[in-house]
Amino acid sequence: MKDSIIRFRKPFAVGFVVLVGIVLAVIILRMEKTTVEEHHEHSALEHEHEEGHVNGPHGGRLLSDDHFQVEIAIYEQGVPSLFRVHVYDNKKVVDPDKVKLTIELHRLGEKTDVINFKSEGDHLCSDRIIEEPHSFDVKVIAEYNGRVYRWEYSQIEGRVALTPEAAQSAGIGVKTAGSVQMKTVLELPGEIELNADKVVHVVPRVSGVVTEVYKNLGDEVKHGEVIAVIDSRELAELKSEYLASIKRVELAQATFERVERLWKEKISSEKNYLASRLALSEARINLHEVIHKLLALGLSQNDLNNISDKEEASFLRYEIRVQSNGVVIEKHISIGESVKEDADIFILADLSTVWVGVTVYAKDFKIVKSGQKVTVRSKVLGLEVDGILTYIGPLVGEETRTARGVVVVQNQEGQWRPGLFVTVEIVQEEVLVPVAVPVDAIQTLDDKSVIFVQYGNQFEARPLELGRSDGQWVEVLHGLLPGEKYVAHNSFILKAELGKAGATHEH
């Protein structure tokens, strides 16, 4: 009997304990509810990520707590990025004036943006622009009908995580943002041209038939070198006349000496003496005239001395020699061809220096001056050279409204080829800018110029507002602060990683 009582009391005791626990739980829950109501606060924390969130009627992220909902979207169609928030109670639109809303954006680098809102039509609109990147941890605080609602979620975009070992293996080079001494540069279009002062047109000077040609396009020539030979009747006639003139002078000289001796001996008259002296002078004049014609054709005095009537075949031979060094850039001669005395049979150019034809726009006339130092740069060939702006034309083209400038550039190695388009940079001033980054550090993402900032193992694409550039550095007006670490080398690797991950600009 006693055992039965004991067995009966044990289940009763257990049941009593369970019952007491239920009662206490109900009391505690009621107390907590009362406490919340007394403080007019209701907390519903949602830790959501980009994937899997619910969209509202307007395409924004929908945050819910029982019957109360807020729909958050970043609106940026043709206007600066702003938050637009629609509020619902039991799926009905709530008057935005009845809701107080605050959003905190926690970014990399422990930077926090606090966003307040104002009513605008049927929705709430942020009181400030939402700066890029739109990548942050979000805290939402809404007050409605005496209650406070809270949500948290993360919106991540444009980020790549790399361990220090992986970053080092990829050759990621990081620098600290700071001031840079920059040159403000004016860039003008230009084109490499032949130095017009060093272009030589080779003409035969006499007509004839081409018998030999020694040079082709691209060949180098030296001063005094024979580049072609022609047979010329005109030259043969001049050579014959030269020999005849020499003999006439010799004859006139002998006659004059004989008459002069007889005149002195009073055997011959003075009239004969004067006539013989005149004949000698005329013979000498005729000889000098022929000599000048032959020298004008390029023959030397040594060539004249070697003219002999014993070698009549050489009378026709005319050797065309160049009078300067250069390269054959045009050739208009071939063996057997008949050429005239003024034909351009070769065009030579000395390419040791070239001209850069510069287009100077009217708006830059106050900046561009003759005598300025400039830098000529070819991005295609990766070349640059310094020079002097030696000339600016006094006239402005009627159609182009530009003036022509000329820069002389040394070209000993022949790298600057005429016809090559180049950029001519003129330094306007040197200034110290607060923040600048190397040109190669900047990448293009979603049609925006970005740079990758580093915080720990995270690399985030940061859109930039850029200013002046000197070709090596670019001024950063907005988007990067002094002291922040950014990727200066091989940032394209991070851009490629974003592409692999399918990182897009979504809100």
Protein backbone atom coordinates (compact mmCIF):
# COMPACT_ATOMS: atom_id res chain seq x y z
CA MET A 1 0.00 0.00 0.00
CA LYS A 2 2.79 2.34 0.97
CA ASP A 3 4.60 1.51 -2.30
CA SER A 4 1.46 2.28 -4.28
CA ILE A 5 1.15 5.67 -2.62
CA ILE A 6 4.76 6.41 -3.44
CA ARG A 7 4.30 5.38 -7.10
CA PHE A 8 1.21 7.58 -7.28
CA ARG A 9 2.94 10.63 -5.73
CA LYS A 10 5.91 10.56 -8.15
CA PRO A 11 3.86 11.16 -11.39
CA PHE A 12 1.82 13.74 -9.48
CA ALA A 13 4.96 15.59 -8.44
CA VAL A 14 6.34 15.59 -11.96
CA GLY A 15 3.10 16.89 -13.39
CA PHE A 16 2.93 19.56 -10.74
CA VAL A 17 6.44 20.76 -11.66
CA VAL A 18 5.60 20.88 -15.36
CA LEU A 19 2.43 22.82 -14.64
CA VAL A 20 4.29 25.33 -12.49
CA GLY A 21 6.85 25.80 -15.30
CA ILE A 22 4.15 26.53 -17.85
CA VAL A 23 2.52 29.07 -15.56
CA LEU A 24 5.85 30.82 -14.93
CA ALA A 25 6.63 30.92 -18.68
CA VAL A 26 3.27 32.58 -19.39
CA ILE A 27 3.90 35.15 -16.65
CA ILE A 28 7.39 35.95 -18.00
CA LEU A 29 6.11 36.34 -21.55
CA ARG A 30 3.37 38.68 -20.35
CA MET A 31 5.91 40.68 -18.35
CA GLU A 32 8.21 41.00 -21.43
CA LYS A 33 5.29 42.09 -23.59
CA THR A 34 4.26 44.64 -21.01
CA THR A 35 7.81 45.95 -20.84
CA VAL A 36 8.00 46.32 -24.61
CA GLU A 37 4.65 48.10 -24.73
CA GLU A 38 5.66 50.39 -21.91
CA HIS A 39 8.76 51.42 -23.88
CA HIS A 40 6.79 51.61 -27.15
CA GLU A 41 9.52 49.59 -28.91
CA HIS A 42 9.37 46.49 -31.02
CA SER A 43 12.59 44.86 -32.24
CA ALA A 44 12.71 42.43 -35.15
CA LEU A 45 16.29 41.90 -36.35
CA GLU A 46 16.71 40.46 -39.81
CA HIS A 47 20.19 39.48 -40.90
CA GLU A 48 19.72 39.22 -44.64
CA HIS A 49 22.22 39.13 -47.51
CA GLU A 50 21.91 40.11 -51.14
CA GLU A 51 20.67 36.69 -52.13
CA GLY A 52 17.22 35.55 -51.15
CA HIS A 53 15.66 38.85 -50.09
CA VAL A 54 12.05 39.64 -50.93
CA ASN A 55 11.23 42.44 -53.38
CA GLY A 56 8.28 44.77 -52.94
CA PRO A 57 5.80 46.19 -55.47
CA HIS A 58 8.29 48.86 -56.56
CA GLY A 59 11.19 46.44 -56.98
CA GLY A 60 12.93 47.38 -53.73
CA ARG A 61 13.99 45.21 -50.79
CA LEU A 62 10.94 44.43 -48.63
CA LEU A 63 11.51 44.27 -44.86
CA SER A 64 8.60 42.91 -42.81
CA ASP A 65 7.57 42.61 -39.15
CA ASP A 66 4.08 41.17 -38.83
CA HIS A 67 1.73 43.59 -40.57
CA PHE A 68 4.29 46.44 -40.86
CA GLN A 69 6.58 46.63 -43.91
CA VAL A 70 9.09 49.02 -45.49
CA GLU A 71 10.32 48.73 -49.07
CA ILE A 72 13.79 50.19 -49.67
CA ALA A 73 15.25 50.94 -53.10
CA ILE A 74 18.10 53.06 -54.43
CA TYR A 75 16.75 55.19 -57.27
CA GLU A 76 19.36 56.44 -59.77
CA GLN A 77 17.69 56.71 -63.17
CA GLY A 78 18.92 60.00 -64.58
CA VAL A 79 19.38 61.55 -61.13
CA PRO A 80 21.91 61.20 -58.29
CA SER A 81 21.47 58.02 -56.25
CA LEU A 82 18.81 58.40 -53.51
CA PHE A 83 16.92 56.05 -51.22
CA ARG A 84 13.20 55.76 -51.93
CA VAL A 85 11.19 54.03 -49.24
CA HIS A 86 7.54 52.98 -49.42
CA VAL A 87 5.77 51.98 -46.18
CA TYR A 88 2.87 49.53 -45.79
CA ASP A 89 0.54 48.51 -42.93
CA ASN A 90 -1.46 45.36 -43.63
CA LYS A 91 -0.43 45.75 -47.27
CA LYS A 92 -1.93 49.23 -47.42
CA VAL A 93 0.20 52.27 -48.25
CA VAL A 94 1.04 54.34 -45.17
CA ASP A 95 1.16 58.14 -45.22
CA PRO A 96 4.94 58.82 -45.19
CA ASP A 97 4.43 61.79 -42.81
CA LYS A 98 3.41 59.29 -40.11
CA VAL A 99 6.73 57.41 -40.28
CA LYS A 100 10.11 58.48 -38.93
CA LEU A 101 12.91 56.61 -40.69
CA THR A 102 16.67 56.49 -40.27
CA ILE A 103 19.16 54.30 -42.14
CA GLU A 104 22.76 53.75 -41.10
CA LEU A 105 25.24 52.60 -43.75
CA HIS A 106 28.36 50.96 -42.33
CA ARG A 107 31.13 50.87 -44.93
CA LEU A 108 34.62 49.41 -45.05
CA GLY A 109 37.06 51.44 -43.00
CA GLU A 110 34.58 51.96 -40.16
CA LYS A 111 32.89 54.80 -42.00
CA THR A 112 29.21 55.28 -41.20
CA ASP A 113 26.68 57.34 -43.15
CA VAL A 114 23.52 58.32 -41.28
CA ILE A 115 20.63 58.91 -43.69
CA ASN A 116 17.49 60.76 -42.68
CA PHE A 117 14.30 60.98 -44.73
CA LYS A 118 11.58 63.40 -45.76
CA SER A 119 8.22 62.70 -47.29
CA GLU A 120 7.86 63.10 -51.02
CA GLY A 121 4.50 62.16 -52.50
CA ASP A 122 3.58 58.63 -51.49
CA HIS A 123 7.07 57.70 -50.28
CA LEU A 124 10.04 58.77 -48.19
CA CYS A 125 13.16 60.13 -49.88
CA SER A 126 16.67 60.30 -48.41
CA ASP A 127 17.97 63.75 -47.54
CA ARG A 128 21.39 63.09 -49.10
CA ILE A 129 22.95 61.35 -52.07
CA ILE A 130 23.97 57.73 -51.54
CA GLU A 131 27.62 57.72 -52.52
CA GLU A 132 29.18 54.91 -54.47
CA PRO A 133 30.05 52.17 -53.92
CA HIS A 134 26.65 50.94 -52.83
CA SER A 135 28.29 48.31 -50.69
CA PHE A 136 27.61 48.39 -46.94
CA ASP A 137 25.98 46.84 -43.89
CA VAL A 138 22.59 48.46 -43.42
CA LYS A 139 20.70 49.25 -40.22
CA VAL A 140 17.10 50.41 -40.62
CA ILE A 141 15.20 52.12 -37.77
CA ALA A 142 11.54 52.99 -38.31
CA GLU A 143 9.10 54.57 -35.83
CA TYR A 144 5.39 54.15 -36.53
CA ASN A 145 2.35 54.33 -34.25
CA GLY A 146 4.50 54.54 -31.13
CA ARG A 147 6.63 51.51 -31.99
CA VAL A 148 10.24 51.17 -33.13
CA TYR A 149 11.09 48.61 -35.81
CA ARG A 150 14.66 47.54 -36.59
CA TRP A 151 16.17 45.54 -39.42
CA GLU A 152 19.71 44.74 -40.49
CA TYR A 153 21.00 43.41 -43.77
CA SER A 154 24.09 43.56 -45.96
CA GLN A 155 24.37 44.85 -49.51
CA ILE A 156 27.73 43.85 -50.96
CA GLU A 157 29.00 44.67 -54.44
CA GLY A 158 32.37 45.23 -56.09
CA ARG A 159 34.38 43.41 -53.43
CA VAL A 160 37.07 40.78 -53.78
CA ALA A 161 38.57 38.88 -50.85
CA LEU A 162 42.23 37.86 -51.13
CA THR A 163 44.61 36.55 -48.53
CA PRO A 164 47.99 38.32 -48.24
CA GLU A 165 49.62 35.29 -49.84
CA ALA A 166 47.22 35.32 -52.79
CA ALA A 167 47.64 39.08 -53.27
CA GLN A 168 51.42 38.75 -53.26
CA SER A 169 51.30 35.83 -55.69
CA ALA A 170 49.11 37.89 -58.06
CA GLY A 171 51.56 40.80 -57.92
CA ILE A 172 49.03 43.14 -56.31
CA GLY A 173 50.90 46.32 -55.40
CA VAL A 174 49.37 48.54 -52.72
CA LYS A 175 50.15 52.20 -52.04
CA THR A 176 48.90 54.77 -49.56
CA ALA A 177 46.94 57.68 -51.01
CA GLY A 178 48.62 61.04 -50.59
CA SER A 179 49.70 64.27 -52.22
CA VAL A 180 51.61 64.36 -55.51
CA GLN A 181 53.47 67.14 -57.32
CA MET A 182 51.70 67.21 -60.66
CA LYS A 183 52.19 69.08 -63.86
CA THR A 184 49.02 70.38 -65.43
CA VAL A 185 49.37 69.53 -69.10
CA LEU A 186 47.66 70.78 -72.24
CA GLU A 187 47.41 68.03 -74.85
CA LEU A 188 47.30 68.92 -78.54
CA PRO A 189 47.09 66.58 -81.55
CA GLY A 190 50.09 66.35 -83.84
CA GLU A 191 51.58 64.41 -86.73
CA ILE A 192 55.17 63.54 -87.53
CA GLU A 193 56.28 65.21 -90.77
CA LEU A 194 59.40 65.45 -92.87
CA ASN A 195 61.72 68.27 -91.95
CA ALA A 196 61.02 70.49 -94.96
CA ASP A 197 64.45 72.08 -94.58
CA LYS A 198 66.06 68.67 -95.07
CA VAL A 199 64.14 67.42 -98.13
CA VAL A 200 66.11 67.33 -101.40
CA HIS A 201 64.60 67.01 -104.87
CA VAL A 202 67.13 65.48 -107.25
CA VAL A 203 66.80 66.64 -110.88
CA PRO A 204 69.13 65.70 -113.78
CA ARG A 205 69.74 69.35 -114.90
CA VAL A 206 70.17 68.01 -118.44
CA SER A 207 67.88 65.86 -120.55
CA GLY A 208 68.94 62.39 -121.61
CA VAL A 209 68.37 58.64 -121.47
CA VAL A 210 68.90 56.71 -118.22
CA THR A 211 71.65 54.07 -118.48
CA GLU A 212 72.35 53.22 -114.82
CA VAL A 213 70.45 53.48 -111.52
CA TYR A 214 72.19 52.71 -108.23
CA LYS A 215 69.63 53.52 -105.53
CA ASN A 216 66.16 52.28 -104.58
CA LEU A 217 63.49 53.33 -102.09
CA GLY A 218 64.75 53.36 -98.51
CA ASP A 219 68.43 53.37 -99.47
CA GLU A 220 70.75 55.76 -97.68
CA VAL A 221 72.90 58.09 -99.73
CA LYS A 222 75.99 60.11 -98.89
CA HIS A 223 77.07 63.54 -100.03
CA GLY A 224 78.80 63.36 -103.43
CA GLU A 225 77.64 59.78 -104.13
CA VAL A 226 76.61 58.86 -107.72
CA ILE A 227 73.02 57.60 -107.72
CA ALA A 228 72.30 57.38 -111.48
CA VAL A 229 73.88 57.88 -114.92
CA ILE A 230 72.30 59.22 -118.11
CA ASP A 231 73.54 59.71 -121.68
CA SER A 232 73.05 63.35 -122.64
CA ARG A 233 73.59 65.01 -126.02
CA GLU A 234 73.38 68.39 -124.34
CA LEU A 235 76.30 67.48 -122.09
CA ALA A 236 78.27 66.13 -125.04
CA GLU A 237 77.77 69.41 -126.88
CA LEU A 238 78.92 71.40 -123.85
CA LYS A 239 82.03 69.24 -123.47
CA SER A 240 82.83 69.66 -127.17
CA GLU A 241 82.32 73.38 -126.88
CA TYR A 242 84.57 73.40 -123.82
CA LEU A 243 87.43 71.75 -125.71
CA ALA A 244 86.89 74.06 -128.69
CA SER A 245 86.90 77.10 -126.43
CA ILE A 246 90.20 76.03 -124.92
CA LYS A 247 91.74 75.76 -128.36
CA ARG A 248 90.34 79.14 -129.41
CA VAL A 249 91.86 80.68 -126.31
CA GLU A 250 95.20 79.06 -127.04
CA LEU A 251 95.09 80.32 -130.63
CA ALA A 252 94.04 83.80 -129.61
CA GLN A 253 96.77 83.85 -126.98
CA ALA A 254 99.46 82.92 -129.51
CA THR A 255 98.15 85.50 -132.01
CA PHE A 256 98.09 88.19 -129.39
CA GLU A 257 101.64 87.46 -128.25
CA ARG A 258 102.90 87.61 -131.86
CA VAL A 259 101.05 90.83 -132.68
CA GLU A 260 102.13 92.38 -129.41
CA ARG A 261 105.78 91.64 -130.21
CA LEU A 262 105.47 93.12 -133.67
CA TRP A 263 103.67 96.16 -132.31
CA LYS A 264 106.41 96.75 -129.84
CA GLU A 265 108.94 96.44 -132.66
CA LYS A 266 106.85 98.98 -134.58
CA ILE A 267 106.31 96.51 -137.34
CA SER A 268 102.58 96.03 -136.76
CA SER A 269 100.04 98.78 -136.22
CA GLU A 270 98.37 99.54 -132.93
CA LYS A 271 95.03 98.70 -134.51
CA ASN A 272 96.13 95.09 -135.09
CA TYR A 273 97.43 94.91 -131.54
CA LEU A 274 94.12 96.08 -130.06
CA ALA A 275 92.13 93.74 -132.30
CA SER A 276 94.20 90.73 -131.21
CA ARG A 277 93.82 91.64 -127.57
CA LEU A 278 90.04 91.92 -127.99
CA ALA A 279 89.88 88.54 -129.70
CA LEU A 280 91.80 86.98 -126.80
CA SER A 281 89.42 88.50 -124.25
CA GLU A 282 86.36 87.23 -126.13
CA ALA A 283 87.84 83.74 -126.36
CA ARG A 284 88.49 83.71 -122.64
CA ILE A 285 84.95 84.94 -121.92
CA ASN A 286 83.45 82.19 -124.07
CA LEU A 287 85.59 79.61 -122.25
CA HIS A 288 84.53 80.85 -118.83
CA GLU A 289 80.90 80.73 -119.93
CA VAL A 290 81.18 77.08 -120.95
CA ILE A 291 83.03 76.24 -117.75
CA HIS A 292 80.25 77.79 -115.66
CA LYS A 293 77.63 75.78 -117.52
CA LEU A 294 79.50 72.55 -116.88
CA LEU A 295 80.05 73.37 -113.22
CA ALA A 296 76.34 74.19 -112.89
CA LEU A 297 75.59 70.66 -114.04
CA GLY A 298 77.53 69.31 -111.08
CA LEU A 299 80.85 68.62 -112.75
CA SER A 300 83.92 69.44 -110.69
CA GLN A 301 87.08 71.19 -111.89
CA ASN A 302 88.80 67.83 -111.79
CA ASP A 303 86.10 66.48 -114.14
CA LEU A 304 86.81 69.36 -116.53
CA ASN A 305 90.51 68.69 -116.46
CA ASN A 306 89.90 65.07 -117.42
CA ILE A 307 87.78 65.87 -120.47
CA SER A 308 89.64 64.65 -123.52
CA ASP A 309 88.73 64.42 -127.16
CA LYS A 310 90.41 61.03 -127.19
CA GLU A 311 87.48 59.54 -125.22
CA GLU A 312 84.49 60.66 -127.22
CA ALA A 313 82.25 57.97 -125.65
CA SER A 314 82.56 59.64 -122.26
CA PHE A 315 81.15 62.87 -123.69
CA LEU A 316 77.61 61.49 -123.35
CA ARG A 317 78.03 60.10 -119.82
CA TYR A 318 76.52 62.26 -117.12
CA GLU A 319 76.79 61.11 -113.49
CA ILE A 320 74.06 62.40 -111.16
CA ARG A 321 75.53 63.08 -107.72
CA VAL A 322 73.72 64.04 -104.51
CA GLN A 323 74.72 67.12 -102.57
CA SER A 324 73.59 65.96 -99.10
CA ASN A 325 73.04 62.90 -96.91
CA GLY A 326 69.62 61.34 -96.75
CA VAL A 327 67.26 58.46 -97.47
CA VAL A 328 65.46 57.82 -100.75
CA ILE A 329 61.76 58.38 -100.05
CA GLU A 330 60.62 58.67 -103.69
CA LYS A 331 62.06 57.27 -106.93
CA HIS A 332 60.85 58.17 -110.42
CA ILE A 333 63.56 56.80 -112.71
CA SER A 334 64.31 53.53 -114.50
CA ILE A 335 66.87 52.32 -117.00
CA GLY A 336 66.07 53.24 -120.60
CA GLU A 337 63.73 56.02 -119.61
CA SER A 338 64.03 59.42 -121.24
CA VAL A 339 64.08 62.18 -118.64
CA LYS A 340 63.89 65.93 -118.85
CA GLU A 341 66.28 68.31 -117.18
CA ASP A 342 63.75 69.41 -114.51
CA ALA A 343 62.20 66.00 -113.68
CA ASP A 344 62.09 64.86 -110.03
CA ILE A 345 63.92 61.57 -110.45
CA PHE A 346 64.63 61.14 -106.72
CA ILE A 347 63.42 62.76 -103.51
CA LEU A 348 65.73 62.42 -100.54
CA ALA A 349 65.06 63.25 -96.91
CA ASP A 350 67.41 63.64 -94.00
CA LEU A 351 65.46 61.90 -91.19
CA SER A 352 67.96 62.71 -88.43
CA THR A 353 65.44 65.38 -87.46
CA VAL A 354 61.70 65.52 -88.14
CA TRP A 355 58.96 68.06 -87.69
CA VAL A 356 55.85 67.63 -85.60
CA GLY A 357 52.92 69.49 -87.10
CA VAL A 358 50.80 70.67 -84.14
CA THR A 359 47.14 71.68 -84.28
CA VAL A 360 46.63 74.68 -81.99
CA TYR A 361 43.00 75.49 -81.21
CA ALA A 362 41.82 79.08 -80.93
CA LYS A 363 40.87 78.64 -77.26
CA ASP A 364 44.50 77.75 -76.45
CA PHE A 365 46.19 80.72 -78.16
CA LYS A 366 46.77 82.42 -74.79
CA ILE A 367 48.53 79.34 -73.44
CA VAL A 368 50.60 78.13 -76.39
CA LYS A 369 53.63 80.29 -77.15
CA SER A 370 56.59 79.94 -79.49
CA GLY A 371 59.72 78.75 -77.67
CA GLN A 372 57.85 76.59 -75.13
CA LYS A 373 59.23 73.21 -74.11
CA VAL A 374 56.95 70.37 -75.12
CA THR A 375 56.82 66.59 -74.86
CA VAL A 376 55.92 64.59 -77.94
CA ARG A 377 54.36 61.23 -77.07
CA SER A 378 53.26 58.25 -79.16
CA LYS A 379 50.97 55.99 -77.16
CA VAL A 380 50.95 53.43 -79.98
CA LEU A 381 54.74 52.95 -79.96
CA GLY A 382 55.31 53.86 -76.33
CA LEU A 383 57.76 56.63 -77.28
CA GLU A 384 58.27 60.14 -76.00
CA VAL A 385 60.80 62.89 -76.66
CA ASP A 386 61.25 66.49 -75.59
CA GLY A 387 61.36 69.35 -78.07
CA ILE A 388 60.82 73.08 -78.60
CA LEU A 389 57.80 74.68 -80.22
CA THR A 390 59.72 76.71 -82.79
CA TYR A 391 56.86 78.14 -84.82
CA ILE A 392 53.19 79.09 -84.54
CA GLY A 393 51.46 80.19 -87.71
CA PRO A 394 50.03 83.72 -87.79
CA LEU A 395 46.92 82.59 -89.68
CA VAL A 396 43.84 80.68 -88.54
CA GLY A 397 42.25 78.20 -90.93
CA GLU A 398 38.82 79.26 -92.15
CA GLU A 399 37.37 75.77 -91.83
CA THR A 400 39.34 74.31 -88.91
CA ARG A 401 39.67 77.54 -86.88
CA THR A 402 43.10 76.34 -85.79
CA ALA A 403 46.66 77.50 -86.26
CA ARG A 404 49.67 75.40 -87.17
CA GLY A 405 52.63 74.90 -84.90
CA VAL A 406 55.95 73.16 -85.55
CA VAL A 407 58.19 71.24 -83.17
CA VAL A 408 61.64 70.02 -84.26
CA VAL A 409 62.44 66.56 -82.88
CA GLN A 410 65.74 64.69 -82.97
CA ASN A 411 65.38 61.34 -84.73
CA GLN A 412 68.84 59.78 -84.88
CA GLU A 413 67.46 56.24 -84.47
CA GLY A 414 64.66 56.75 -86.98
CA GLN A 415 61.87 55.79 -84.57
CA TRP A 416 59.70 58.81 -85.38
CA ARG A 417 58.23 57.99 -88.77
CA PRO A 418 56.51 60.70 -90.83
CA GLY A 419 52.76 60.16 -90.87
CA LEU A 420 52.62 58.92 -87.27
CA PHE A 421 49.93 60.58 -85.14
CA VAL A 422 51.22 61.82 -81.78
CA THR A 423 50.17 63.88 -78.79
CA VAL A 424 52.01 67.09 -77.98
CA GLU A 425 51.96 67.97 -74.29
CA ILE A 426 52.64 71.49 -73.04
CA VAL A 427 53.20 72.03 -69.33
CA GLN A 428 50.97 74.83 -68.04
CA GLU A 429 51.91 74.77 -64.37
CA GLU A 430 53.16 72.54 -61.56
CA VAL A 431 50.84 72.08 -58.58
CA LEU A 432 50.68 69.96 -55.44
CA VAL A 433 47.40 68.03 -55.40
CA PRO A 434 46.09 66.48 -52.14
CA VAL A 435 45.37 63.05 -53.64
CA ALA A 436 46.54 61.51 -56.91
CA VAL A 437 46.92 57.95 -58.20
CA PRO A 438 48.89 56.40 -61.09
CA VAL A 439 47.03 56.23 -64.38
CA ASP A 440 47.51 52.44 -64.55
CA ALA A 441 45.78 52.00 -61.18
CA ILE A 442 42.43 53.14 -62.60
CA GLN A 443 40.03 50.61 -64.07
CA THR A 444 36.64 51.02 -65.77
CA LEU A 445 33.69 49.24 -64.17
CA ASP A 446 30.04 49.82 -65.12
CA ASP A 447 31.24 52.75 -67.28
CA LYS A 448 32.82 54.40 -64.24
CA SER A 449 36.43 55.06 -63.33
CA VAL A 450 37.22 53.04 -60.20
CA ILE A 451 40.14 52.20 -57.98
CA PHE A 452 40.41 49.26 -55.59
CA VAL A 453 40.83 50.23 -51.94
CA GLN A 454 42.14 47.73 -49.41
CA TYR A 455 40.87 47.01 -45.92
CA GLY A 456 42.40 43.85 -44.53
CA ASN A 457 41.73 41.03 -46.95
CA GLN A 458 38.93 42.97 -48.68
CA PHE A 459 39.47 44.92 -51.92
CA GLU A 460 36.56 47.15 -52.92
CA ALA A 461 35.98 48.95 -56.23
CA ARG A 462 35.61 52.65 -55.38
CA PRO A 463 34.20 55.03 -58.05
CA LEU A 464 36.26 58.20 -58.43
CA GLU A 465 35.73 61.75 -59.56
CA LEU A 466 38.91 62.61 -61.45
CA GLY A 467 40.57 65.93 -62.16
CA ARG A 468 43.77 66.93 -63.89
CA SER A 469 46.33 64.52 -65.32
CA ASP A 470 49.96 64.78 -66.33
CA GLY A 471 50.01 61.46 -68.18
CA GLN A 472 51.45 59.54 -65.23
CA TRP A 473 49.27 60.68 -62.33
CA VAL A 474 45.59 61.58 -62.14
CA GLU A 475 44.15 63.91 -59.53
CA VAL A 476 41.35 62.42 -57.40
CA LEU A 477 38.72 65.01 -56.53
CA HIS A 478 36.38 62.64 -54.72
CA GLY A 479 36.27 58.97 -53.77
CA LEU A 480 39.66 58.41 -52.13
CA LEU A 481 40.93 59.96 -48.90
CA PRO A 482 44.55 60.61 -47.90
CA GLY A 483 45.89 57.66 -45.94
CA GLU A 484 43.66 55.05 -47.56
CA LYS A 485 45.40 52.09 -49.12
CA TYR A 486 44.71 51.38 -52.77
CA VAL A 487 45.92 48.97 -55.44
CA ALA A 488 48.47 50.75 -57.63
CA HIS A 489 49.77 47.77 -59.64
CA ASN A 490 47.92 44.92 -61.38
CA SER A 491 44.47 46.17 -60.37
CA PHE A 492 43.14 44.60 -63.58
CA ILE A 493 43.44 41.22 -61.81
CA LEU A 494 40.84 42.30 -59.26
CA LYS A 495 38.58 43.55 -62.03
CA ALA A 496 38.86 40.14 -63.70
CA GLU A 497 37.98 38.44 -60.41
CA LEU A 498 34.85 40.58 -60.14
CA GLY A 499 33.91 39.53 -63.66
CA LYS A 500 34.33 35.86 -62.75
CA ALA A 501 32.17 36.31 -59.68
CA GLY A 502 29.46 38.03 -61.73
CA ALA A 503 29.60 41.08 -59.49
CA THR A 504 27.10 43.55 -60.89
CA HIS A 505 25.57 46.83 -59.83
CA GLU A 506 22.28 45.74 -58.27
CA HIS A 507 20.06 47.33 -55.64
